[in-house]
N, C-alpha and C. Protein backbone atom coordinates (compact mmCIF):
# COMPACT_ATOMS: atom_id res chain seq x y z
N MET A 1 45.56 61.19 -19.71
CA MET A 1 45.01 61.08 -21.03
C MET A 1 46.14 61.11 -22.05
N VAL A 2 45.99 60.37 -23.11
CA VAL A 2 47.00 60.34 -24.14
C VAL A 2 46.52 60.93 -25.45
N ASP A 3 45.28 61.27 -25.54
CA ASP A 3 44.73 61.86 -26.75
C ASP A 3 45.26 63.28 -26.91
N PRO A 4 46.01 63.57 -28.00
CA PRO A 4 46.62 64.90 -28.13
C PRO A 4 45.61 66.03 -28.20
N TYR A 5 44.39 65.76 -28.62
CA TYR A 5 43.39 66.81 -28.70
C TYR A 5 42.87 67.21 -27.33
N SER A 6 42.86 66.27 -26.41
CA SER A 6 42.34 66.59 -25.08
C SER A 6 43.43 67.06 -24.13
N GLU A 7 44.68 66.89 -24.49
CA GLU A 7 45.78 67.25 -23.59
C GLU A 7 45.74 68.71 -23.14
N PRO A 8 45.48 69.69 -24.03
CA PRO A 8 45.41 71.08 -23.55
C PRO A 8 44.30 71.28 -22.52
N LYS A 9 43.17 70.62 -22.72
CA LYS A 9 42.05 70.76 -21.77
C LYS A 9 42.44 70.17 -20.41
N ILE A 10 43.12 69.04 -20.42
CA ILE A 10 43.55 68.42 -19.17
C ILE A 10 44.56 69.31 -18.46
N ARG A 11 45.46 69.94 -19.21
CA ARG A 11 46.42 70.87 -18.59
C ARG A 11 45.69 72.00 -17.87
N GLU A 12 44.64 72.53 -18.49
CA GLU A 12 43.89 73.61 -17.86
C GLU A 12 43.18 73.14 -16.60
N ILE A 13 42.62 71.94 -16.63
CA ILE A 13 41.98 71.39 -15.44
C ILE A 13 43.01 71.25 -14.32
N TRP A 14 44.19 70.75 -14.66
CA TRP A 14 45.26 70.58 -13.68
C TRP A 14 45.65 71.93 -13.09
N LEU A 15 45.77 72.95 -13.94
CA LEU A 15 46.13 74.29 -13.47
C LEU A 15 45.07 74.82 -12.51
N VAL A 16 43.82 74.69 -12.87
CA VAL A 16 42.73 75.17 -12.01
C VAL A 16 42.74 74.40 -10.68
N ALA A 17 42.91 73.10 -10.74
CA ALA A 17 42.89 72.28 -9.53
C ALA A 17 44.05 72.64 -8.60
N ARG A 18 45.21 72.91 -9.15
CA ARG A 18 46.38 73.24 -8.32
C ARG A 18 46.28 74.62 -7.70
N THR A 19 45.56 75.53 -8.34
CA THR A 19 45.48 76.89 -7.82
C THR A 19 44.23 77.15 -7.01
N SER A 20 43.33 76.19 -6.93
CA SER A 20 42.05 76.38 -6.23
C SER A 20 41.85 75.29 -5.20
N VAL A 21 42.38 75.49 -4.03
CA VAL A 21 42.34 74.47 -2.99
C VAL A 21 40.92 74.09 -2.61
N SER A 22 40.01 75.04 -2.60
CA SER A 22 38.67 74.77 -2.09
C SER A 22 37.69 74.22 -3.12
N LEU A 23 38.07 74.19 -4.39
CA LEU A 23 37.13 73.75 -5.42
C LEU A 23 36.89 72.25 -5.34
N SER A 24 35.66 71.84 -5.57
CA SER A 24 35.38 70.41 -5.73
C SER A 24 35.85 70.01 -7.11
N SER A 25 35.93 68.71 -7.35
CA SER A 25 36.40 68.25 -8.65
C SER A 25 35.46 68.68 -9.78
N LYS A 26 34.15 68.72 -9.53
CA LYS A 26 33.21 69.15 -10.58
C LYS A 26 33.38 70.64 -10.85
N GLU A 27 33.56 71.44 -9.81
CA GLU A 27 33.78 72.88 -10.01
C GLU A 27 35.07 73.12 -10.78
N THR A 28 36.10 72.31 -10.53
CA THR A 28 37.36 72.43 -11.25
C THR A 28 37.13 72.20 -12.74
N GLY A 29 36.39 71.15 -13.07
CA GLY A 29 36.07 70.88 -14.48
C GLY A 29 35.28 72.00 -15.12
N ASN A 30 34.30 72.53 -14.40
CA ASN A 30 33.50 73.65 -14.92
C ASN A 30 34.37 74.85 -15.22
N GLN A 31 35.24 75.23 -14.28
CA GLN A 31 36.07 76.42 -14.46
C GLN A 31 37.04 76.23 -15.63
N ALA A 32 37.67 75.06 -15.72
CA ALA A 32 38.62 74.81 -16.81
C ALA A 32 37.93 74.76 -18.16
N TRP A 33 36.71 74.25 -18.18
CA TRP A 33 35.97 74.13 -19.45
C TRP A 33 35.78 75.50 -20.08
N TRP A 34 35.45 76.50 -19.29
CA TRP A 34 35.21 77.84 -19.82
C TRP A 34 36.48 78.54 -20.26
N MET A 35 37.65 78.08 -19.81
CA MET A 35 38.91 78.74 -20.14
C MET A 35 39.35 78.44 -21.57
N LYS A 36 38.92 77.36 -22.16
CA LYS A 36 39.45 76.90 -23.44
C LYS A 36 38.67 77.46 -24.62
N GLU A 37 39.40 77.98 -25.60
CA GLU A 37 38.78 78.53 -26.81
C GLU A 37 38.75 77.52 -27.96
N ASP A 38 39.65 76.54 -27.94
CA ASP A 38 39.76 75.59 -29.04
C ASP A 38 38.49 74.75 -29.18
N ARG A 39 38.24 74.29 -30.40
CA ARG A 39 37.08 73.43 -30.68
C ARG A 39 37.52 71.97 -30.58
N VAL A 40 37.71 71.51 -29.36
CA VAL A 40 38.09 70.12 -29.11
C VAL A 40 37.09 69.52 -28.13
N SER A 41 37.08 68.20 -28.06
CA SER A 41 36.22 67.55 -27.09
C SER A 41 36.93 66.32 -26.54
N SER A 42 36.50 65.91 -25.37
CA SER A 42 37.14 64.77 -24.72
C SER A 42 36.21 64.21 -23.66
N THR A 43 36.33 62.91 -23.43
CA THR A 43 35.71 62.34 -22.24
C THR A 43 36.58 62.77 -21.06
N ALA A 44 36.05 62.72 -19.86
CA ALA A 44 36.83 63.17 -18.71
C ALA A 44 36.35 62.51 -17.43
N CYS A 45 37.30 62.29 -16.54
CA CYS A 45 37.00 61.82 -15.20
C CYS A 45 37.98 62.53 -14.27
N ILE A 46 37.47 63.32 -13.37
CA ILE A 46 38.30 64.10 -12.45
C ILE A 46 38.05 63.57 -11.04
N LEU A 47 39.12 63.24 -10.33
CA LEU A 47 38.97 62.70 -8.99
C LEU A 47 39.51 63.68 -7.95
N ALA A 48 38.80 63.80 -6.86
CA ALA A 48 39.27 64.57 -5.71
C ALA A 48 38.94 63.77 -4.46
N HIS A 49 39.91 63.66 -3.57
CA HIS A 49 39.72 62.90 -2.33
C HIS A 49 39.70 63.87 -1.17
N ASN A 50 38.64 63.78 -0.35
CA ASN A 50 38.51 64.68 0.78
C ASN A 50 37.83 63.95 1.93
N ASP A 51 38.56 63.77 3.02
CA ASP A 51 38.01 63.17 4.25
C ASP A 51 37.31 61.83 4.02
N GLY A 52 37.98 60.94 3.28
CA GLY A 52 37.43 59.60 3.08
C GLY A 52 36.37 59.49 2.01
N ILE A 53 36.09 60.58 1.30
CA ILE A 53 35.11 60.55 0.21
C ILE A 53 35.82 60.89 -1.10
N LEU A 54 35.62 60.03 -2.08
CA LEU A 54 36.15 60.27 -3.42
C LEU A 54 35.06 60.97 -4.22
N HIS A 55 35.33 62.18 -4.68
CA HIS A 55 34.41 62.94 -5.53
C HIS A 55 34.88 62.76 -6.96
N ALA A 56 33.98 62.35 -7.84
CA ALA A 56 34.39 62.01 -9.20
C ALA A 56 33.33 62.39 -10.22
N PRO A 57 33.39 63.60 -10.75
CA PRO A 57 32.51 63.89 -11.89
C PRO A 57 33.06 63.16 -13.11
N ASN A 58 32.18 62.55 -13.87
CA ASN A 58 32.58 61.73 -15.00
C ASN A 58 31.75 62.10 -16.22
N VAL A 59 32.41 62.24 -17.36
CA VAL A 59 31.74 62.52 -18.63
C VAL A 59 32.22 61.48 -19.64
N GLY A 60 31.31 60.72 -20.20
CA GLY A 60 31.66 59.78 -21.25
C GLY A 60 32.13 58.44 -20.73
N ASP A 61 33.13 57.87 -21.44
CA ASP A 61 33.57 56.52 -21.12
C ASP A 61 34.96 56.43 -20.51
N SER A 62 35.57 57.55 -20.14
CA SER A 62 36.72 57.49 -19.25
C SER A 62 36.15 57.21 -17.86
N GLY A 63 36.96 56.70 -16.97
CA GLY A 63 36.42 56.41 -15.66
C GLY A 63 37.43 55.77 -14.74
N PHE A 64 36.92 55.07 -13.74
CA PHE A 64 37.81 54.45 -12.76
C PHE A 64 37.19 53.18 -12.21
N MET A 65 38.07 52.35 -11.64
CA MET A 65 37.67 51.17 -10.90
C MET A 65 38.26 51.29 -9.50
N LEU A 66 37.52 50.85 -8.52
CA LEU A 66 37.96 50.91 -7.13
C LEU A 66 38.15 49.49 -6.61
N PHE A 67 39.29 49.27 -5.96
CA PHE A 67 39.63 47.96 -5.38
C PHE A 67 39.93 48.15 -3.90
N SER A 68 39.38 47.29 -3.08
CA SER A 68 39.64 47.31 -1.64
C SER A 68 40.10 45.92 -1.23
N ASN A 69 41.20 45.84 -0.51
CA ASN A 69 41.80 44.55 -0.13
C ASN A 69 42.02 43.68 -1.36
N LYS A 70 42.47 44.31 -2.44
CA LYS A 70 42.79 43.64 -3.71
C LYS A 70 41.57 43.02 -4.40
N LYS A 71 40.38 43.43 -4.00
CA LYS A 71 39.13 42.95 -4.60
C LYS A 71 38.40 44.11 -5.26
N PHE A 72 37.85 43.83 -6.43
CA PHE A 72 37.06 44.82 -7.16
C PHE A 72 35.78 45.11 -6.40
N ILE A 73 35.48 46.42 -6.23
CA ILE A 73 34.22 46.76 -5.56
C ILE A 73 33.36 47.74 -6.34
N TYR A 74 33.94 48.49 -7.30
CA TYR A 74 33.12 49.49 -8.00
C TYR A 74 33.78 49.89 -9.32
N ARG A 75 32.94 50.13 -10.32
CA ARG A 75 33.39 50.72 -11.58
C ARG A 75 32.45 51.87 -11.92
N SER A 76 33.01 53.01 -12.28
CA SER A 76 32.17 54.16 -12.63
C SER A 76 31.36 53.84 -13.88
N PRO A 77 30.11 54.28 -13.91
CA PRO A 77 29.27 54.03 -15.08
C PRO A 77 29.69 54.92 -16.25
N ILE A 78 29.45 54.43 -17.46
CA ILE A 78 29.76 55.24 -18.64
C ILE A 78 28.51 56.01 -19.06
N GLN A 79 28.74 57.09 -19.77
CA GLN A 79 27.64 57.87 -20.34
C GLN A 79 27.79 57.82 -21.85
N GLN A 80 26.78 57.32 -22.52
CA GLN A 80 26.83 57.30 -23.98
C GLN A 80 25.43 57.44 -24.56
N ARG A 81 25.38 58.01 -25.74
CA ARG A 81 24.10 58.19 -26.43
C ARG A 81 23.64 56.90 -27.07
N ARG A 82 24.58 56.16 -27.58
CA ARG A 82 24.36 54.84 -28.17
C ARG A 82 25.71 54.13 -28.14
N PHE A 83 25.76 52.89 -28.58
CA PHE A 83 27.01 52.14 -28.53
C PHE A 83 28.13 52.92 -29.21
N ASN A 84 29.25 53.02 -28.51
CA ASN A 84 30.47 53.64 -29.02
C ASN A 84 30.31 55.13 -29.34
N CYS A 85 29.37 55.78 -28.72
CA CYS A 85 29.15 57.22 -28.91
C CYS A 85 29.01 57.88 -27.53
N PRO A 86 30.18 58.05 -26.83
CA PRO A 86 30.13 58.59 -25.47
C PRO A 86 29.89 60.09 -25.45
N TYR A 87 29.39 60.57 -24.32
CA TYR A 87 29.33 62.01 -24.10
C TYR A 87 30.77 62.53 -24.17
N LYS A 88 30.93 63.76 -24.67
CA LYS A 88 32.26 64.37 -24.74
C LYS A 88 32.17 65.82 -24.30
N LEU A 89 33.04 66.16 -23.39
CA LEU A 89 33.11 67.51 -22.87
C LEU A 89 33.84 68.39 -23.88
N GLY A 90 33.21 69.47 -24.27
CA GLY A 90 33.83 70.39 -25.22
C GLY A 90 33.03 71.67 -25.29
N ASN A 91 33.48 72.58 -26.14
CA ASN A 91 32.76 73.85 -26.22
C ASN A 91 32.25 74.16 -27.63
N SER A 92 32.14 73.13 -28.46
CA SER A 92 31.49 73.32 -29.76
C SER A 92 30.02 72.97 -29.61
N GLU A 93 29.22 73.30 -30.61
CA GLU A 93 27.78 73.02 -30.54
C GLU A 93 27.48 71.53 -30.44
N GLU A 94 28.35 70.69 -31.02
CA GLU A 94 28.12 69.25 -31.02
C GLU A 94 28.54 68.59 -29.71
N SER A 95 29.31 69.29 -28.90
CA SER A 95 29.85 68.71 -27.67
C SER A 95 28.92 68.94 -26.48
N ASP A 96 29.23 68.25 -25.41
CA ASP A 96 28.48 68.39 -24.17
C ASP A 96 29.18 69.38 -23.25
N GLY A 97 28.41 70.05 -22.42
CA GLY A 97 28.97 70.96 -21.43
C GLY A 97 29.22 70.25 -20.12
N PRO A 98 29.87 70.92 -19.18
CA PRO A 98 30.20 70.28 -17.90
C PRO A 98 28.97 69.93 -17.06
N ASP A 99 27.83 70.50 -17.38
CA ASP A 99 26.62 70.19 -16.61
C ASP A 99 26.15 68.75 -16.83
N CYS A 100 26.65 68.08 -17.87
CA CYS A 100 26.24 66.69 -18.10
C CYS A 100 27.05 65.70 -17.26
N ALA A 101 28.06 66.19 -16.55
CA ALA A 101 28.88 65.29 -15.74
C ALA A 101 28.04 64.61 -14.67
N ARG A 102 28.27 63.33 -14.51
CA ARG A 102 27.62 62.57 -13.45
C ARG A 102 28.54 62.64 -12.23
N GLU A 103 28.07 63.27 -11.17
CA GLU A 103 28.88 63.44 -9.95
C GLU A 103 28.74 62.19 -9.08
N LEU A 104 29.86 61.52 -8.87
CA LEU A 104 29.88 60.31 -8.05
C LEU A 104 30.56 60.62 -6.72
N LYS A 105 30.06 60.04 -5.66
CA LYS A 105 30.69 60.17 -4.35
C LYS A 105 30.79 58.77 -3.76
N ILE A 106 32.02 58.35 -3.50
CA ILE A 106 32.29 56.99 -3.05
C ILE A 106 33.17 57.06 -1.80
N ALA A 107 32.83 56.30 -0.77
CA ALA A 107 33.67 56.22 0.42
C ALA A 107 34.89 55.36 0.12
N VAL A 108 36.06 55.83 0.55
CA VAL A 108 37.30 55.08 0.38
C VAL A 108 38.03 55.06 1.72
N VAL A 109 38.89 54.06 1.88
CA VAL A 109 39.69 53.94 3.11
C VAL A 109 41.15 53.76 2.73
N ALA A 110 42.03 53.97 3.70
CA ALA A 110 43.46 53.80 3.47
C ALA A 110 43.74 52.41 2.91
N GLY A 111 44.57 52.35 1.88
CA GLY A 111 44.92 51.09 1.24
C GLY A 111 44.09 50.76 0.01
N ASP A 112 42.97 51.44 -0.19
CA ASP A 112 42.19 51.23 -1.41
C ASP A 112 43.01 51.64 -2.63
N VAL A 113 42.78 50.98 -3.75
CA VAL A 113 43.48 51.30 -4.99
C VAL A 113 42.44 51.73 -6.02
N ILE A 114 42.73 52.85 -6.67
CA ILE A 114 41.85 53.38 -7.72
C ILE A 114 42.60 53.32 -9.03
N VAL A 115 42.02 52.67 -10.03
CA VAL A 115 42.59 52.62 -11.37
C VAL A 115 41.77 53.58 -12.22
N LEU A 116 42.41 54.64 -12.67
CA LEU A 116 41.77 55.69 -13.46
C LEU A 116 42.27 55.56 -14.88
N GLY A 117 41.37 55.58 -15.87
CA GLY A 117 41.84 55.43 -17.24
C GLY A 117 40.83 55.83 -18.28
N THR A 118 41.32 55.82 -19.50
CA THR A 118 40.47 56.08 -20.66
C THR A 118 39.71 54.81 -21.00
N ASP A 119 38.81 54.91 -21.97
CA ASP A 119 38.06 53.71 -22.36
C ASP A 119 38.98 52.65 -22.93
N GLU A 120 40.10 53.03 -23.55
CA GLU A 120 41.02 52.03 -24.09
C GLU A 120 41.54 51.12 -22.99
N LEU A 121 41.82 51.67 -21.83
CA LEU A 121 42.26 50.85 -20.71
C LEU A 121 41.09 50.06 -20.13
N LEU A 122 40.02 50.73 -19.86
CA LEU A 122 38.89 50.09 -19.17
C LEU A 122 38.21 49.03 -20.03
N ASP A 123 38.23 49.19 -21.35
CA ASP A 123 37.64 48.18 -22.24
C ASP A 123 38.52 46.95 -22.40
N ASN A 124 39.81 47.10 -22.16
CA ASN A 124 40.75 46.01 -22.40
C ASN A 124 41.23 45.28 -21.15
N MET A 125 40.75 45.69 -19.99
CA MET A 125 41.14 45.03 -18.74
C MET A 125 39.89 44.69 -17.94
N PHE A 126 39.73 43.40 -17.67
CA PHE A 126 38.65 42.98 -16.78
C PHE A 126 39.07 43.26 -15.34
N ALA A 127 38.10 43.48 -14.47
CA ALA A 127 38.40 43.72 -13.06
C ALA A 127 39.18 42.55 -12.46
N ARG A 128 38.83 41.32 -12.85
CA ARG A 128 39.53 40.15 -12.30
C ARG A 128 41.00 40.13 -12.70
N GLU A 129 41.32 40.65 -13.89
CA GLU A 129 42.72 40.73 -14.31
C GLU A 129 43.48 41.72 -13.43
N ILE A 130 42.86 42.83 -13.11
CA ILE A 130 43.51 43.82 -12.24
C ILE A 130 43.64 43.27 -10.83
N GLU A 131 42.65 42.50 -10.36
CA GLU A 131 42.77 41.85 -9.05
C GLU A 131 44.00 40.96 -9.00
N GLU A 132 44.25 40.20 -10.06
CA GLU A 132 45.42 39.33 -10.10
C GLU A 132 46.71 40.13 -10.06
N VAL A 133 46.74 41.25 -10.77
CA VAL A 133 47.92 42.12 -10.75
C VAL A 133 48.14 42.65 -9.34
N LEU A 134 47.08 43.11 -8.68
CA LEU A 134 47.20 43.64 -7.32
C LEU A 134 47.69 42.57 -6.35
N LYS A 135 47.20 41.35 -6.48
CA LYS A 135 47.65 40.27 -5.61
C LYS A 135 49.13 39.99 -5.83
N GLY A 136 49.56 39.98 -7.09
CA GLY A 136 50.97 39.74 -7.40
C GLY A 136 51.86 40.87 -6.92
N GLU A 137 51.43 42.09 -7.11
CA GLU A 137 52.24 43.24 -6.72
C GLU A 137 52.34 43.39 -5.21
N SER A 138 51.32 42.98 -4.48
CA SER A 138 51.36 43.12 -3.02
C SER A 138 52.38 42.16 -2.41
N LYS A 139 52.78 41.13 -3.18
CA LYS A 139 53.77 40.17 -2.69
C LYS A 139 55.20 40.62 -2.94
N THR A 140 55.38 41.65 -3.78
CA THR A 140 56.73 42.12 -4.09
C THR A 140 57.27 42.95 -2.94
N LYS A 141 58.59 43.06 -2.91
CA LYS A 141 59.24 43.84 -1.85
C LYS A 141 58.77 45.30 -1.91
N GLY A 142 58.32 45.81 -0.79
CA GLY A 142 57.86 47.19 -0.73
C GLY A 142 56.38 47.34 -1.00
N GLY A 143 55.70 46.27 -1.40
CA GLY A 143 54.26 46.35 -1.64
C GLY A 143 53.89 47.10 -2.90
N ILE A 144 52.67 47.55 -2.95
CA ILE A 144 52.13 48.20 -4.15
C ILE A 144 52.75 49.58 -4.33
N GLN A 145 53.35 49.80 -5.49
CA GLN A 145 53.92 51.10 -5.87
C GLN A 145 53.05 51.66 -6.99
N PRO A 146 52.32 52.74 -6.75
CA PRO A 146 51.34 53.23 -7.73
C PRO A 146 51.90 53.45 -9.14
N LYS A 147 53.04 54.09 -9.27
CA LYS A 147 53.57 54.39 -10.61
C LYS A 147 53.89 53.11 -11.38
N GLU A 148 54.57 52.18 -10.74
CA GLU A 148 54.93 50.93 -11.41
C GLU A 148 53.68 50.11 -11.74
N LEU A 149 52.72 50.14 -10.84
CA LEU A 149 51.47 49.42 -11.06
C LEU A 149 50.70 50.00 -12.25
N ALA A 150 50.70 51.32 -12.36
CA ALA A 150 50.02 51.98 -13.49
C ALA A 150 50.64 51.56 -14.81
N VAL A 151 51.97 51.52 -14.86
CA VAL A 151 52.65 51.11 -16.09
C VAL A 151 52.34 49.66 -16.42
N LEU A 152 52.37 48.79 -15.42
CA LEU A 152 52.07 47.37 -15.64
C LEU A 152 50.65 47.17 -16.16
N ILE A 153 49.68 47.83 -15.56
CA ILE A 153 48.29 47.68 -15.99
C ILE A 153 48.09 48.26 -17.40
N ALA A 154 48.71 49.39 -17.69
CA ALA A 154 48.62 49.97 -19.04
C ALA A 154 49.25 49.03 -20.06
N ASP A 155 50.40 48.44 -19.72
CA ASP A 155 51.05 47.49 -20.64
C ASP A 155 50.18 46.27 -20.88
N LEU A 156 49.56 45.74 -19.83
CA LEU A 156 48.67 44.58 -20.00
C LEU A 156 47.45 44.94 -20.84
N SER A 157 46.93 46.13 -20.66
CA SER A 157 45.80 46.58 -21.46
C SER A 157 46.18 46.66 -22.93
N LEU A 158 47.35 47.21 -23.19
CA LEU A 158 47.84 47.30 -24.57
C LEU A 158 48.02 45.90 -25.15
N TYR A 159 48.61 44.99 -24.39
CA TYR A 159 48.78 43.61 -24.84
C TYR A 159 47.42 42.99 -25.18
N ASN A 160 46.45 43.16 -24.29
CA ASN A 160 45.12 42.61 -24.53
C ASN A 160 44.49 43.18 -25.80
N SER A 161 44.79 44.43 -26.10
CA SER A 161 44.18 45.05 -27.28
C SER A 161 44.66 44.42 -28.58
N PHE A 162 45.84 43.79 -28.55
CA PHE A 162 46.37 43.13 -29.75
C PHE A 162 45.99 41.66 -29.82
N ASP A 163 45.46 41.10 -28.76
CA ASP A 163 45.15 39.68 -28.69
C ASP A 163 43.86 39.37 -29.44
N LYS A 164 43.99 38.73 -30.60
CA LYS A 164 42.79 38.46 -31.40
C LYS A 164 41.90 37.39 -30.78
N TYR A 165 42.39 36.69 -29.78
CA TYR A 165 41.60 35.65 -29.12
C TYR A 165 41.00 36.12 -27.80
N THR A 166 41.25 37.36 -27.46
CA THR A 166 40.75 37.85 -26.17
C THR A 166 39.24 37.82 -26.14
N LYS A 167 38.69 37.70 -24.96
CA LYS A 167 37.24 37.69 -24.81
C LYS A 167 36.68 39.10 -24.77
N ASN A 168 37.56 40.08 -24.65
CA ASN A 168 37.10 41.48 -24.65
C ASN A 168 36.63 41.86 -26.04
N PHE A 169 35.56 42.62 -26.09
CA PHE A 169 35.08 43.14 -27.37
C PHE A 169 35.63 44.55 -27.53
N CYS A 170 36.88 44.63 -27.90
CA CYS A 170 37.49 45.94 -28.08
C CYS A 170 38.75 45.77 -28.90
N PHE A 171 39.21 46.82 -29.48
CA PHE A 171 40.45 46.79 -30.24
C PHE A 171 41.22 48.05 -29.95
N LYS A 172 42.53 48.01 -30.27
CA LYS A 172 43.37 49.18 -30.03
C LYS A 172 43.03 50.25 -31.04
N CYS A 173 42.71 51.43 -30.57
CA CYS A 173 42.46 52.55 -31.46
C CYS A 173 43.79 53.00 -32.05
N SER A 174 43.82 53.33 -33.32
CA SER A 174 45.07 53.68 -33.97
C SER A 174 45.66 54.97 -33.47
N TYR A 175 44.87 55.84 -32.88
CA TYR A 175 45.37 57.15 -32.47
C TYR A 175 45.70 57.25 -30.99
N SER A 176 45.52 56.19 -30.24
CA SER A 176 45.85 56.30 -28.82
C SER A 176 46.30 54.97 -28.26
N VAL A 177 46.99 55.05 -27.15
CA VAL A 177 47.49 53.88 -26.45
C VAL A 177 46.87 53.92 -25.06
N ALA A 178 46.54 52.77 -24.55
CA ALA A 178 45.92 52.72 -23.22
C ALA A 178 46.81 53.38 -22.19
N SER A 179 46.21 54.12 -21.31
CA SER A 179 46.97 54.76 -20.24
C SER A 179 46.27 54.49 -18.93
N ALA A 180 47.04 54.55 -17.88
CA ALA A 180 46.47 54.31 -16.56
C ALA A 180 47.11 55.25 -15.56
N MET A 181 46.34 55.59 -14.57
CA MET A 181 46.87 56.32 -13.43
C MET A 181 46.43 55.54 -12.21
N MET A 182 47.35 55.33 -11.31
CA MET A 182 47.03 54.60 -10.09
C MET A 182 47.02 55.57 -8.93
N ILE A 183 46.08 55.38 -8.06
CA ILE A 183 46.00 56.18 -6.85
C ILE A 183 45.89 55.20 -5.69
N LEU A 184 46.81 55.30 -4.77
CA LEU A 184 46.75 54.50 -3.56
C LEU A 184 46.26 55.42 -2.46
N VAL A 185 45.09 55.15 -1.92
CA VAL A 185 44.52 56.01 -0.89
C VAL A 185 45.34 55.85 0.39
N GLU A 186 45.78 56.98 0.92
CA GLU A 186 46.58 56.96 2.16
C GLU A 186 45.78 57.49 3.32
């Protein structure tokens, strides 16, 4: 996440996840949510991989796309009250609690690629564009490298956000830049 308001919350989730081996991803989000005193809110998508199953509680319009054999197979659904008004995890009266998270369970296999991102990334990149990137990257020496792939996809998303002729109905938010995290299932 690149939103400075949600960064402290993400740090707490990371801390809980690293210190609690047995927690599911939804339990991690629940525990971290109660730790924060600040009045901030954020969309969230937490992924945990265990024995071929991807566990992914999702709140709002952050999310992920799953690719198998360089082909798009799944995109996490968004949660919103109305257009451009996503659920947001927070601890103020106006925010949503962790109980609103939609728990997703998806089977994954070695070699699958997961693109995890904020709405800025997911709104500015079509699945077919990411398929083309995956096809191109798999031809490079050494194959798909998650970190480099994440940077490339984030850069393309940012480029698309400035393209006034793009077919995407989205624009670059002034307070954030598209970010991506790549996960290569091993």
